[in-house]
Amino acid sequence: MFTGIIESVGKLIKLEEEGTNLHLTIESPIGKELKVDQSVSHNGICLTVTNVESDRHRVTAIQETLSKSNLGNLTIGDVVNLERCMVANGRFDGHVVQGHVDQTAVVTAIKEVGGSWLFDFEYDPTSGNVTVEKGSIAINGISLTCFNSKNNGFTVAIIPYTFEHTNFGQLKAGDVVNLEFDIIGKYVKRLLQQSV
């Protein structure tokens, strides 16, 4: 389980295809602290560390993960948001993030407003995922609050710290991001569907 508070960013330095799998090698400041078999969130996707060498680690994404996320769009040099699993005695600063991406969204607009930024996103509503005004959303693994919530989109406000310490600072209109919708909202939606 994660909290959506990004611990570090990493740089993608190697991509290898093996059948329908994609192996990613990432260099980061936390690379030396990682261990094989450890779960780490990569742009909001929980992946298992399969190899560690110095400040680099390797993970593998299967076809299911590639089809629901932006990992298959990454190129060498791209920046990836990283978060290790929450420790049991730690503070819960974000919200419950499982590392299970529901779908992707597209950045439709970016507007700087007095030192912060507003990002608009649109997503395909046919999968039934929903946001609520002032509800939680994880974008590329970052715990954020959405507003201007509508059937197929929403807005988030990004403070300078988040802009500078995650890959939000590199996003532009048209880019694809990973979305994990709020787990509580997903359970409520499921319960309501069953009662109808």
N, C-alpha and C. Protein backbone atom coordinates (compact mmCIF):
# COMPACT_ATOMS: atom_id res chain seq x y z
N MET A 1 0.84 -1.18 0.00
CA MET A 1 0.00 0.00 0.00
C MET A 1 0.89 1.24 0.00
N PHE A 2 0.41 2.28 -0.68
CA PHE A 2 1.15 3.53 -0.80
C PHE A 2 0.28 4.68 -0.31
N THR A 3 0.89 5.86 -0.22
CA THR A 3 0.13 7.03 0.24
C THR A 3 0.01 8.10 -0.83
N GLY A 4 0.75 7.96 -1.94
CA GLY A 4 0.71 8.97 -2.98
C GLY A 4 1.62 10.15 -2.72
N ILE A 5 2.50 10.02 -1.73
CA ILE A 5 3.50 11.05 -1.46
C ILE A 5 4.81 10.59 -2.10
N ILE A 6 5.19 11.23 -3.19
CA ILE A 6 6.34 10.78 -3.98
C ILE A 6 7.63 10.96 -3.18
N GLU A 7 8.40 9.88 -3.13
CA GLU A 7 9.64 9.88 -2.35
C GLU A 7 10.82 10.39 -3.16
N SER A 8 10.83 10.08 -4.43
CA SER A 8 11.95 10.44 -5.30
C SER A 8 11.49 10.32 -6.74
N VAL A 9 12.25 10.91 -7.64
CA VAL A 9 12.04 10.64 -9.05
C VAL A 9 13.24 9.85 -9.54
N GLY A 10 13.00 9.06 -10.58
CA GLY A 10 14.07 8.28 -11.17
C GLY A 10 14.12 8.56 -12.66
N LYS A 11 15.23 8.21 -13.27
CA LYS A 11 15.42 8.41 -14.71
C LYS A 11 15.46 7.06 -15.39
N LEU A 12 14.63 6.89 -16.41
CA LEU A 12 14.60 5.65 -17.17
C LEU A 12 15.85 5.56 -18.03
N ILE A 13 16.67 4.53 -17.80
CA ILE A 13 17.93 4.43 -18.55
C ILE A 13 17.98 3.24 -19.50
N LYS A 14 17.04 2.30 -19.35
CA LYS A 14 17.07 1.13 -20.24
C LYS A 14 15.68 0.52 -20.35
N LEU A 15 15.31 0.12 -21.57
CA LEU A 15 14.06 -0.58 -21.85
C LEU A 15 14.39 -1.86 -22.61
N GLU A 16 13.81 -2.97 -22.17
CA GLU A 16 14.03 -4.24 -22.86
C GLU A 16 12.70 -4.96 -23.01
N GLU A 17 12.38 -5.37 -24.22
CA GLU A 17 11.18 -6.15 -24.46
C GLU A 17 11.53 -7.63 -24.39
N GLU A 18 10.64 -8.40 -23.77
CA GLU A 18 10.79 -9.86 -23.71
C GLU A 18 9.39 -10.45 -23.85
N GLY A 19 9.08 -10.93 -25.04
CA GLY A 19 7.71 -11.36 -25.32
C GLY A 19 6.80 -10.16 -25.22
N THR A 20 5.75 -10.27 -24.39
CA THR A 20 4.84 -9.13 -24.19
C THR A 20 5.22 -8.33 -22.95
N ASN A 21 6.29 -8.72 -22.27
CA ASN A 21 6.75 -8.00 -21.08
C ASN A 21 7.71 -6.88 -21.45
N LEU A 22 7.76 -5.87 -20.58
CA LEU A 22 8.70 -4.77 -20.76
C LEU A 22 9.51 -4.61 -19.48
N HIS A 23 10.84 -4.76 -19.57
CA HIS A 23 11.73 -4.57 -18.44
C HIS A 23 12.22 -3.11 -18.46
N LEU A 24 12.13 -2.44 -17.32
CA LEU A 24 12.56 -1.06 -17.19
C LEU A 24 13.67 -0.97 -16.17
N THR A 25 14.76 -0.29 -16.52
CA THR A 25 15.85 -0.04 -15.58
C THR A 25 15.85 1.45 -15.27
N ILE A 26 15.83 1.75 -13.97
CA ILE A 26 15.67 3.13 -13.51
C ILE A 26 16.80 3.48 -12.55
N GLU A 27 17.35 4.67 -12.75
CA GLU A 27 18.40 5.19 -11.89
C GLU A 27 17.78 6.25 -10.99
N SER A 28 18.04 6.16 -9.67
CA SER A 28 17.42 7.11 -8.75
C SER A 28 18.23 7.26 -7.47
N PRO A 29 17.97 8.32 -6.70
CA PRO A 29 18.65 8.48 -5.42
C PRO A 29 18.31 7.40 -4.40
N ILE A 30 17.15 6.71 -4.55
CA ILE A 30 16.79 5.66 -3.60
C ILE A 30 17.19 4.27 -4.10
N GLY A 31 17.79 4.20 -5.29
CA GLY A 31 18.13 2.92 -5.88
C GLY A 31 18.98 2.04 -4.99
N LYS A 32 19.96 2.62 -4.30
CA LYS A 32 20.86 1.84 -3.43
C LYS A 32 20.14 1.24 -2.23
N GLU A 33 19.01 1.82 -1.87
CA GLU A 33 18.28 1.35 -0.69
C GLU A 33 17.25 0.27 -1.02
N LEU A 34 17.01 0.01 -2.30
CA LEU A 34 16.00 -0.96 -2.69
C LEU A 34 16.53 -2.38 -2.59
N LYS A 35 15.60 -3.33 -2.50
CA LYS A 35 15.94 -4.74 -2.41
C LYS A 35 15.12 -5.52 -3.43
N VAL A 36 15.67 -6.62 -3.92
CA VAL A 36 14.93 -7.51 -4.81
C VAL A 36 13.69 -8.01 -4.08
N ASP A 37 12.57 -8.10 -4.78
CA ASP A 37 11.25 -8.51 -4.27
C ASP A 37 10.48 -7.38 -3.60
N GLN A 38 11.06 -6.19 -3.50
CA GLN A 38 10.38 -5.06 -2.88
C GLN A 38 9.38 -4.47 -3.87
N SER A 39 8.22 -4.05 -3.35
CA SER A 39 7.22 -3.37 -4.17
C SER A 39 7.48 -1.87 -4.16
N VAL A 40 7.53 -1.29 -5.35
CA VAL A 40 7.77 0.15 -5.48
C VAL A 40 6.77 0.70 -6.49
N SER A 41 6.20 1.85 -6.18
CA SER A 41 5.28 2.51 -7.10
C SER A 41 6.08 3.29 -8.13
N HIS A 42 5.79 3.03 -9.41
CA HIS A 42 6.42 3.71 -10.54
C HIS A 42 5.32 4.43 -11.31
N ASN A 43 5.26 5.75 -11.22
CA ASN A 43 4.17 6.52 -11.83
C ASN A 43 2.82 5.97 -11.37
N GLY A 44 2.77 5.50 -10.12
CA GLY A 44 1.52 5.01 -9.55
C GLY A 44 1.26 3.54 -9.76
N ILE A 45 2.20 2.82 -10.37
CA ILE A 45 2.02 1.40 -10.65
C ILE A 45 2.92 0.59 -9.72
N CYS A 46 2.31 -0.30 -8.96
CA CYS A 46 3.08 -1.17 -8.06
C CYS A 46 3.80 -2.23 -8.88
N LEU A 47 5.14 -2.18 -8.86
CA LEU A 47 5.97 -3.14 -9.59
C LEU A 47 7.00 -3.73 -8.64
N THR A 48 7.39 -4.97 -8.89
CA THR A 48 8.35 -5.67 -8.05
C THR A 48 9.77 -5.47 -8.56
N VAL A 49 10.65 -5.10 -7.66
CA VAL A 49 12.06 -4.93 -8.01
C VAL A 49 12.66 -6.31 -8.27
N THR A 50 13.25 -6.49 -9.45
CA THR A 50 13.82 -7.79 -9.82
C THR A 50 15.35 -7.79 -9.81
N ASN A 51 15.96 -6.61 -9.79
CA ASN A 51 17.42 -6.52 -9.77
C ASN A 51 17.83 -5.16 -9.24
N VAL A 52 18.92 -5.11 -8.48
CA VAL A 52 19.47 -3.85 -7.97
C VAL A 52 20.96 -3.85 -8.23
N GLU A 53 21.45 -2.79 -8.87
CA GLU A 53 22.89 -2.60 -9.08
C GLU A 53 23.21 -1.15 -8.81
N SER A 54 23.96 -0.90 -7.76
CA SER A 54 24.32 0.45 -7.37
C SER A 54 23.06 1.30 -7.20
N ASP A 55 22.93 2.39 -7.95
CA ASP A 55 21.75 3.25 -7.80
C ASP A 55 20.70 2.96 -8.86
N ARG A 56 20.74 1.75 -9.44
CA ARG A 56 19.79 1.37 -10.49
C ARG A 56 19.00 0.14 -10.06
N HIS A 57 17.74 0.13 -10.45
CA HIS A 57 16.93 -1.06 -10.20
C HIS A 57 16.11 -1.39 -11.45
N ARG A 58 15.70 -2.66 -11.50
CA ARG A 58 14.96 -3.14 -12.66
C ARG A 58 13.61 -3.68 -12.22
N VAL A 59 12.58 -3.41 -13.03
CA VAL A 59 11.23 -3.92 -12.79
C VAL A 59 10.68 -4.41 -14.12
N THR A 60 9.62 -5.20 -14.05
CA THR A 60 9.00 -5.74 -15.26
C THR A 60 7.51 -5.41 -15.26
N ALA A 61 7.04 -4.91 -16.39
CA ALA A 61 5.61 -4.65 -16.58
C ALA A 61 5.06 -5.67 -17.56
N ILE A 62 3.95 -6.32 -17.18
CA ILE A 62 3.32 -7.29 -18.05
C ILE A 62 2.33 -6.58 -18.98
N GLN A 63 1.80 -7.31 -19.95
CA GLN A 63 0.91 -6.72 -20.96
C GLN A 63 -0.30 -6.03 -20.34
N GLU A 64 -0.91 -6.64 -19.31
CA GLU A 64 -2.07 -6.04 -18.64
C GLU A 64 -1.73 -4.67 -18.09
N THR A 65 -0.56 -4.55 -17.48
CA THR A 65 -0.11 -3.26 -16.93
C THR A 65 0.14 -2.26 -18.05
N LEU A 66 0.78 -2.71 -19.11
CA LEU A 66 1.08 -1.81 -20.23
C LEU A 66 -0.18 -1.31 -20.91
N SER A 67 -1.23 -2.15 -20.95
CA SER A 67 -2.47 -1.75 -21.63
C SER A 67 -3.28 -0.74 -20.83
N LYS A 68 -3.06 -0.67 -19.52
CA LYS A 68 -3.85 0.24 -18.68
C LYS A 68 -3.07 1.44 -18.16
N SER A 69 -1.82 1.57 -18.58
CA SER A 69 -0.99 2.64 -18.02
C SER A 69 -0.19 3.33 -19.12
N ASN A 70 0.63 4.30 -18.69
CA ASN A 70 1.47 5.01 -19.65
C ASN A 70 2.89 4.43 -19.73
N LEU A 71 3.14 3.30 -19.08
CA LEU A 71 4.50 2.75 -19.08
C LEU A 71 5.00 2.44 -20.48
N GLY A 72 4.13 1.94 -21.34
CA GLY A 72 4.54 1.61 -22.70
C GLY A 72 4.90 2.81 -23.54
N ASN A 73 4.52 4.01 -23.09
CA ASN A 73 4.83 5.25 -23.82
C ASN A 73 6.17 5.86 -23.40
N LEU A 74 6.77 5.33 -22.33
CA LEU A 74 8.00 5.93 -21.81
C LEU A 74 9.17 5.70 -22.77
N THR A 75 10.08 6.67 -22.78
CA THR A 75 11.30 6.56 -23.58
C THR A 75 12.50 6.81 -22.68
N ILE A 76 13.67 6.40 -23.14
CA ILE A 76 14.90 6.58 -22.38
C ILE A 76 15.06 8.07 -22.02
N GLY A 77 15.37 8.32 -20.75
CA GLY A 77 15.54 9.68 -20.26
C GLY A 77 14.31 10.24 -19.56
N ASP A 78 13.16 9.57 -19.72
CA ASP A 78 11.94 10.06 -19.05
C ASP A 78 12.09 9.95 -17.54
N VAL A 79 11.39 10.85 -16.85
CA VAL A 79 11.41 10.88 -15.39
C VAL A 79 10.19 10.14 -14.87
N VAL A 80 10.42 9.29 -13.86
CA VAL A 80 9.37 8.45 -13.28
C VAL A 80 9.24 8.78 -11.80
N ASN A 81 8.00 8.93 -11.32
CA ASN A 81 7.74 9.15 -9.90
C ASN A 81 7.89 7.83 -9.15
N LEU A 82 8.59 7.85 -8.00
CA LEU A 82 8.85 6.64 -7.22
C LEU A 82 8.37 6.81 -5.78
N GLU A 83 7.76 5.74 -5.25
CA GLU A 83 7.38 5.70 -3.83
C GLU A 83 7.50 4.27 -3.35
N ARG A 84 8.23 4.08 -2.25
CA ARG A 84 8.27 2.76 -1.62
C ARG A 84 7.00 2.57 -0.80
N CYS A 85 6.69 1.31 -0.48
CA CYS A 85 5.50 1.00 0.31
C CYS A 85 5.53 1.75 1.64
N MET A 86 4.33 2.05 2.13
CA MET A 86 4.20 2.72 3.41
C MET A 86 4.64 1.78 4.53
N VAL A 87 5.40 2.32 5.48
CA VAL A 87 5.77 1.51 6.65
C VAL A 87 4.64 1.58 7.67
N ALA A 88 4.47 0.51 8.44
CA ALA A 88 3.33 0.41 9.36
C ALA A 88 3.34 1.48 10.44
N ASN A 89 4.51 1.97 10.82
CA ASN A 89 4.58 2.98 11.88
C ASN A 89 4.76 4.39 11.33
N GLY A 90 4.49 4.58 10.03
CA GLY A 90 4.69 5.89 9.42
C GLY A 90 3.42 6.72 9.39
N ARG A 91 3.58 8.00 9.10
CA ARG A 91 2.43 8.90 8.95
C ARG A 91 1.75 8.63 7.62
N PHE A 92 0.46 8.79 7.61
CA PHE A 92 -0.34 8.57 6.41
C PHE A 92 -0.66 9.94 5.83
N ASP A 93 0.27 10.50 5.04
CA ASP A 93 0.14 11.88 4.60
C ASP A 93 -0.77 12.08 3.39
N GLY A 94 -0.93 11.09 2.55
CA GLY A 94 -1.75 11.23 1.34
C GLY A 94 -3.10 10.59 1.52
N HIS A 95 -3.42 9.60 0.66
CA HIS A 95 -4.62 8.78 0.82
C HIS A 95 -4.26 7.34 0.45
N VAL A 96 -5.18 6.42 0.64
CA VAL A 96 -4.90 5.02 0.34
C VAL A 96 -4.70 4.86 -1.17
N VAL A 97 -3.49 4.51 -1.57
CA VAL A 97 -3.15 4.28 -2.97
C VAL A 97 -2.63 2.85 -3.08
N GLN A 98 -3.29 2.04 -3.89
CA GLN A 98 -2.92 0.63 -3.99
C GLN A 98 -1.80 0.37 -4.99
N GLY A 99 -1.60 1.29 -5.91
CA GLY A 99 -0.63 1.04 -6.96
C GLY A 99 -1.22 0.25 -8.10
N HIS A 100 -2.56 0.23 -8.18
CA HIS A 100 -3.29 -0.48 -9.23
C HIS A 100 -3.96 0.56 -10.13
N VAL A 101 -3.33 0.89 -11.21
CA VAL A 101 -3.84 1.94 -12.10
C VAL A 101 -5.13 1.47 -12.76
N ASP A 102 -6.15 2.34 -12.74
CA ASP A 102 -7.45 2.01 -13.32
C ASP A 102 -7.50 2.31 -14.81
N GLN A 103 -6.92 3.43 -15.21
CA GLN A 103 -6.91 3.82 -16.61
C GLN A 103 -6.01 5.03 -16.77
N THR A 104 -5.91 5.51 -18.00
CA THR A 104 -5.10 6.69 -18.26
C THR A 104 -6.00 7.89 -18.53
N ALA A 105 -5.39 9.07 -18.51
CA ALA A 105 -6.06 10.32 -18.86
C ALA A 105 -5.10 11.14 -19.70
N VAL A 106 -5.63 12.16 -20.34
CA VAL A 106 -4.82 13.06 -21.17
C VAL A 106 -4.83 14.45 -20.55
N VAL A 107 -3.67 15.08 -20.51
CA VAL A 107 -3.58 16.48 -20.07
C VAL A 107 -4.19 17.34 -21.18
N THR A 108 -5.23 18.10 -20.84
CA THR A 108 -5.88 18.93 -21.86
C THR A 108 -5.50 20.40 -21.76
N ALA A 109 -5.08 20.84 -20.56
CA ALA A 109 -4.67 22.24 -20.41
C ALA A 109 -3.81 22.40 -19.17
N ILE A 110 -2.88 23.34 -19.23
CA ILE A 110 -2.03 23.70 -18.09
C ILE A 110 -2.03 25.22 -18.01
N LYS A 111 -2.33 25.71 -16.82
CA LYS A 111 -2.39 27.17 -16.64
C LYS A 111 -1.63 27.55 -15.37
N GLU A 112 -0.67 28.47 -15.51
CA GLU A 112 0.04 28.97 -14.33
C GLU A 112 -0.79 30.06 -13.69
N VAL A 113 -0.96 29.95 -12.37
CA VAL A 113 -1.78 30.90 -11.63
C VAL A 113 -1.03 31.33 -10.38
N GLY A 114 -0.40 32.49 -10.43
CA GLY A 114 0.26 33.06 -9.26
C GLY A 114 1.27 32.16 -8.59
N GLY A 115 2.07 31.45 -9.36
CA GLY A 115 3.13 30.63 -8.78
C GLY A 115 2.75 29.17 -8.63
N SER A 116 1.50 28.82 -8.84
CA SER A 116 1.07 27.42 -8.85
C SER A 116 0.51 27.12 -10.24
N TRP A 117 0.06 25.88 -10.45
CA TRP A 117 -0.42 25.48 -11.77
C TRP A 117 -1.74 24.73 -11.65
N LEU A 118 -2.62 24.96 -12.62
CA LEU A 118 -3.85 24.19 -12.74
C LEU A 118 -3.70 23.26 -13.94
N PHE A 119 -3.95 21.99 -13.72
CA PHE A 119 -3.88 20.97 -14.77
C PHE A 119 -5.27 20.40 -14.99
N ASP A 120 -5.73 20.42 -16.24
CA ASP A 120 -7.01 19.81 -16.60
C ASP A 120 -6.74 18.46 -17.26
N PHE A 121 -7.58 17.48 -16.92
CA PHE A 121 -7.45 16.13 -17.46
C PHE A 121 -8.78 15.63 -18.00
N GLU A 122 -8.71 14.85 -19.05
CA GLU A 122 -9.90 14.15 -19.57
C GLU A 122 -9.59 12.67 -19.65
N TYR A 123 -10.62 11.86 -19.35
CA TYR A 123 -10.46 10.40 -19.42
C TYR A 123 -11.72 9.80 -20.02
N ASP A 124 -11.61 8.57 -20.47
CA ASP A 124 -12.73 7.85 -21.06
C ASP A 124 -13.69 7.42 -19.95
N PRO A 125 -14.93 7.92 -19.94
CA PRO A 125 -15.86 7.61 -18.86
C PRO A 125 -16.57 6.26 -19.02
N THR A 126 -16.34 5.57 -20.13
CA THR A 126 -17.10 4.34 -20.37
C THR A 126 -16.74 3.21 -19.42
N SER A 127 -15.58 3.30 -18.75
CA SER A 127 -15.22 2.27 -17.78
C SER A 127 -15.95 2.45 -16.46
N GLY A 128 -16.65 3.57 -16.30
CA GLY A 128 -17.46 3.79 -15.10
C GLY A 128 -16.72 4.43 -13.94
N ASN A 129 -15.47 4.78 -14.11
CA ASN A 129 -14.73 5.44 -13.03
C ASN A 129 -15.23 6.87 -12.86
N VAL A 130 -15.29 7.33 -11.61
CA VAL A 130 -15.81 8.67 -11.34
C VAL A 130 -14.92 9.40 -10.33
N THR A 131 -14.95 10.71 -10.42
CA THR A 131 -14.35 11.55 -9.41
C THR A 131 -15.46 12.33 -8.73
N VAL A 132 -15.18 12.84 -7.55
CA VAL A 132 -16.12 13.71 -6.86
C VAL A 132 -15.42 14.99 -6.49
N GLU A 133 -16.16 16.06 -6.39
CA GLU A 133 -15.60 17.36 -6.04
C GLU A 133 -14.88 17.28 -4.70
N LYS A 134 -13.64 17.70 -4.68
CA LYS A 134 -12.76 17.68 -3.51
C LYS A 134 -12.42 16.25 -3.07
N GLY A 135 -12.53 15.30 -3.99
CA GLY A 135 -12.18 13.91 -3.70
C GLY A 135 -10.73 13.63 -4.05
N SER A 136 -10.26 12.47 -3.63
CA SER A 136 -8.87 12.07 -3.88
C SER A 136 -8.73 11.39 -5.23
N ILE A 137 -7.58 11.61 -5.84
CA ILE A 137 -7.20 10.95 -7.10
C ILE A 137 -5.69 10.78 -7.07
N ALA A 138 -5.19 9.68 -7.61
CA ALA A 138 -3.74 9.52 -7.75
C ALA A 138 -3.40 9.66 -9.23
N ILE A 139 -2.55 10.62 -9.54
CA ILE A 139 -2.10 10.87 -10.92
C ILE A 139 -0.60 10.57 -10.97
N ASN A 140 -0.22 9.60 -11.81
CA ASN A 140 1.17 9.15 -11.84
C ASN A 140 1.69 8.85 -10.43
N GLY A 141 0.77 8.32 -9.59
CA GLY A 141 1.14 7.94 -8.23
C GLY A 141 1.11 9.04 -7.21
N ILE A 142 0.74 10.27 -7.59
CA ILE A 142 0.73 11.41 -6.68
C ILE A 142 -0.66 11.60 -6.11
N SER A 143 -0.77 11.64 -4.79
CA SER A 143 -2.05 11.88 -4.13
C SER A 143 -2.44 13.35 -4.30
N LEU A 144 -3.59 13.57 -4.96
CA LEU A 144 -4.06 14.92 -5.23
C LEU A 144 -5.55 15.04 -4.96
N THR A 145 -6.02 16.27 -4.88
CA THR A 145 -7.45 16.56 -4.72
C THR A 145 -7.98 17.12 -6.02
N CYS A 146 -9.08 16.54 -6.50
CA CYS A 146 -9.63 17.02 -7.77
C CYS A 146 -10.79 17.98 -7.53
N PHE A 147 -10.99 18.87 -8.47
CA PHE A 147 -12.15 19.76 -8.47
C PHE A 147 -12.57 19.98 -9.91
N ASN A 148 -13.61 20.78 -10.12
CA ASN A 148 -14.23 20.89 -11.45
C ASN A 148 -14.54 19.49 -11.98
N SER A 149 -14.99 18.63 -11.06
CA SER A 149 -15.24 17.24 -11.41
C SER A 149 -16.45 17.13 -12.34
N LYS A 150 -16.27 16.35 -13.42
CA LYS A 150 -17.36 16.11 -14.36
C LYS A 150 -17.28 14.67 -14.84
N ASN A 151 -18.16 14.29 -15.71
CA ASN A 151 -18.28 12.90 -16.14
C ASN A 151 -17.00 12.35 -16.75
N ASN A 152 -16.22 13.18 -17.44
CA ASN A 152 -15.03 12.66 -18.12
C ASN A 152 -13.77 13.47 -17.83
N GLY A 153 -13.78 14.24 -16.75
CA GLY A 153 -12.60 15.04 -16.49
C GLY A 153 -12.63 15.74 -15.14
N PHE A 154 -11.53 16.41 -14.85
CA PHE A 154 -11.37 17.11 -13.59
C PHE A 154 -10.14 18.01 -13.68
N THR A 155 -9.94 18.81 -12.65
CA THR A 155 -8.79 19.71 -12.54
C THR A 155 -8.08 19.43 -11.22
N VAL A 156 -6.75 19.60 -11.21
CA VAL A 156 -5.99 19.58 -9.96
C VAL A 156 -5.11 20.82 -9.91
N ALA A 157 -4.81 21.26 -8.69
CA ALA A 157 -3.90 22.38 -8.48
C ALA A 157 -2.57 21.81 -8.00
N ILE A 158 -1.48 22.28 -8.59
CA ILE A 158 -0.15 21.78 -8.26
C ILE A 158 0.69 22.91 -7.66
N ILE A 159 1.18 22.69 -6.45
CA ILE A 159 2.02 23.68 -5.79
C ILE A 159 3.45 23.57 -6.33
N PRO A 160 4.26 24.60 -6.13
CA PRO A 160 5.63 24.58 -6.66
C PRO A 160 6.44 23.36 -6.22
N TYR A 161 6.31 22.93 -4.96
CA TYR A 161 7.10 21.78 -4.49
C TYR A 161 6.79 20.54 -5.32
N THR A 162 5.51 20.26 -5.53
CA THR A 162 5.11 19.09 -6.31
C THR A 162 5.56 19.24 -7.76
N PHE A 163 5.44 20.43 -8.30
CA PHE A 163 5.86 20.71 -9.68
C PHE A 163 7.35 20.42 -9.87
N GLU A 164 8.15 20.76 -8.87
CA GLU A 164 9.60 20.63 -8.97
C GLU A 164 10.12 19.25 -8.57
N HIS A 165 9.39 18.51 -7.74
CA HIS A 165 9.90 17.25 -7.19
C HIS A 165 9.19 16.00 -7.73
N THR A 166 8.36 16.17 -8.75
CA THR A 166 7.71 15.03 -9.42
C THR A 166 7.82 15.25 -10.92
N ASN A 167 7.24 14.35 -11.70
CA ASN A 167 7.30 14.57 -13.15
C ASN A 167 6.19 15.49 -13.66
N PHE A 168 5.44 16.13 -12.76
CA PHE A 168 4.45 17.12 -13.20
C PHE A 168 5.11 18.28 -13.94
N GLY A 169 6.32 18.65 -13.53
CA GLY A 169 7.01 19.76 -14.16
C GLY A 169 7.37 19.52 -15.62
N GLN A 170 7.29 18.27 -16.06
CA GLN A 170 7.62 17.95 -17.45
C GLN A 170 6.39 17.66 -18.30
N LEU A 171 5.21 17.63 -17.67
CA LEU A 171 3.99 17.35 -18.44
C LEU A 171 3.63 18.51 -19.35
N LYS A 172 3.04 18.16 -20.49
CA LYS A 172 2.52 19.18 -21.41
C LYS A 172 1.18 18.69 -21.95
N ALA A 173 0.43 19.59 -22.53
CA ALA A 173 -0.87 19.23 -23.08
C ALA A 173 -0.71 18.10 -24.08
N GLY A 174 -1.57 17.10 -23.99
CA GLY A 174 -1.51 15.94 -24.86
C GLY A 174 -0.81 14.74 -24.24
N ASP A 175 -0.07 14.94 -23.14
CA ASP A 175 0.61 13.83 -22.48
C ASP A 175 -0.40 12.91 -21.79
N VAL A 176 -0.02 11.65 -21.69
CA VAL A 176 -0.87 10.64 -21.05
C VAL A 176 -0.34 10.36 -19.65
N VAL A 177 -1.26 10.31 -18.68
CA VAL A 177 -0.90 10.03 -17.28
C VAL A 177 -1.71 8.85 -16.77
N ASN A 178 -1.24 8.26 -15.67
CA ASN A 178 -1.93 7.15 -15.04
C ASN A 178 -2.88 7.66 -13.97
N LEU A 179 -4.07 7.06 -13.90
CA LEU A 179 -5.06 7.42 -12.88
C LEU A 179 -5.37 6.21 -12.01
N GLU A 180 -5.37 6.42 -10.71
CA GLU A 180 -5.96 5.46 -9.78
C GLU A 180 -7.03 6.21 -9.01
N PHE A 181 -8.28 5.80 -9.22
CA PHE A 181 -9.41 6.45 -8.57
C PHE A 181 -9.47 6.02 -7.11
N ASP A 182 -10.12 6.83 -6.29
CA ASP A 182 -10.19 6.61 -4.85
C ASP A 182 -10.84 5.26 -4.54
N ILE A 183 -10.17 4.45 -3.72
CA ILE A 183 -10.64 3.10 -3.40
C ILE A 183 -12.00 3.13 -2.70
N ILE A 184 -12.23 4.10 -1.83
CA ILE A 184 -13.52 4.18 -1.14
C ILE A 184 -14.63 4.45 -2.14
N GLY A 185 -14.39 5.35 -3.08
CA GLY A 185 -15.38 5.64 -4.12
C GLY A 185 -15.66 4.41 -4.97
N LYS A 186 -14.62 3.62 -5.25
CA LYS A 186 -14.83 2.41 -6.06
C LYS A 186 -15.70 1.39 -5.32
N TYR A 187 -15.49 1.24 -4.01
CA TYR A 187 -16.32 0.31 -3.23
C TYR A 187 -17.76 0.80 -3.14
N VAL A 188 -17.94 2.09 -2.90
CA VAL A 188 -19.31 2.64 -2.82
C VAL A 188 -20.03 2.44 -4.14
N LYS A 189 -19.36 2.72 -5.23
CA LYS A 189 -19.97 2.54 -6.56
C LYS A 189 -20.38 1.08 -6.77
N ARG A 190 -19.52 0.15 -6.39
CA ARG A 190 -19.82 -1.27 -6.55
C ARG A 190 -21.03 -1.69 -5.70
N LEU A 191 -21.08 -1.19 -4.46
CA LEU A 191 -22.21 -1.52 -3.58
C LEU A 191 -23.52 -0.98 -4.14
N LEU A 192 -23.47 0.23 -4.67
CA LEU A 192 -24.68 0.82 -5.26
C LEU A 192 -25.13 0.03 -6.49
N GLN A 193 -24.19 -0.44 -7.29
CA GLN A 193 -24.54 -1.23 -8.47
C GLN A 193 -25.20 -2.55 -8.07
N GLN A 194 -24.73 -3.13 -6.97
CA GLN A 194 -25.28 -4.42 -6.53
C GLN A 194 -26.69 -4.27 -5.94
N SER A 195 -26.98 -3.08 -5.38
CA SER A 195 -28.29 -2.88 -4.75
C SER A 195 -29.39 -2.51 -5.73
N VAL A 196 -29.02 -2.24 -6.98
CA VAL A 196 -30.02 -1.84 -7.98
C VAL A 196 -30.69 -3.05 -8.59
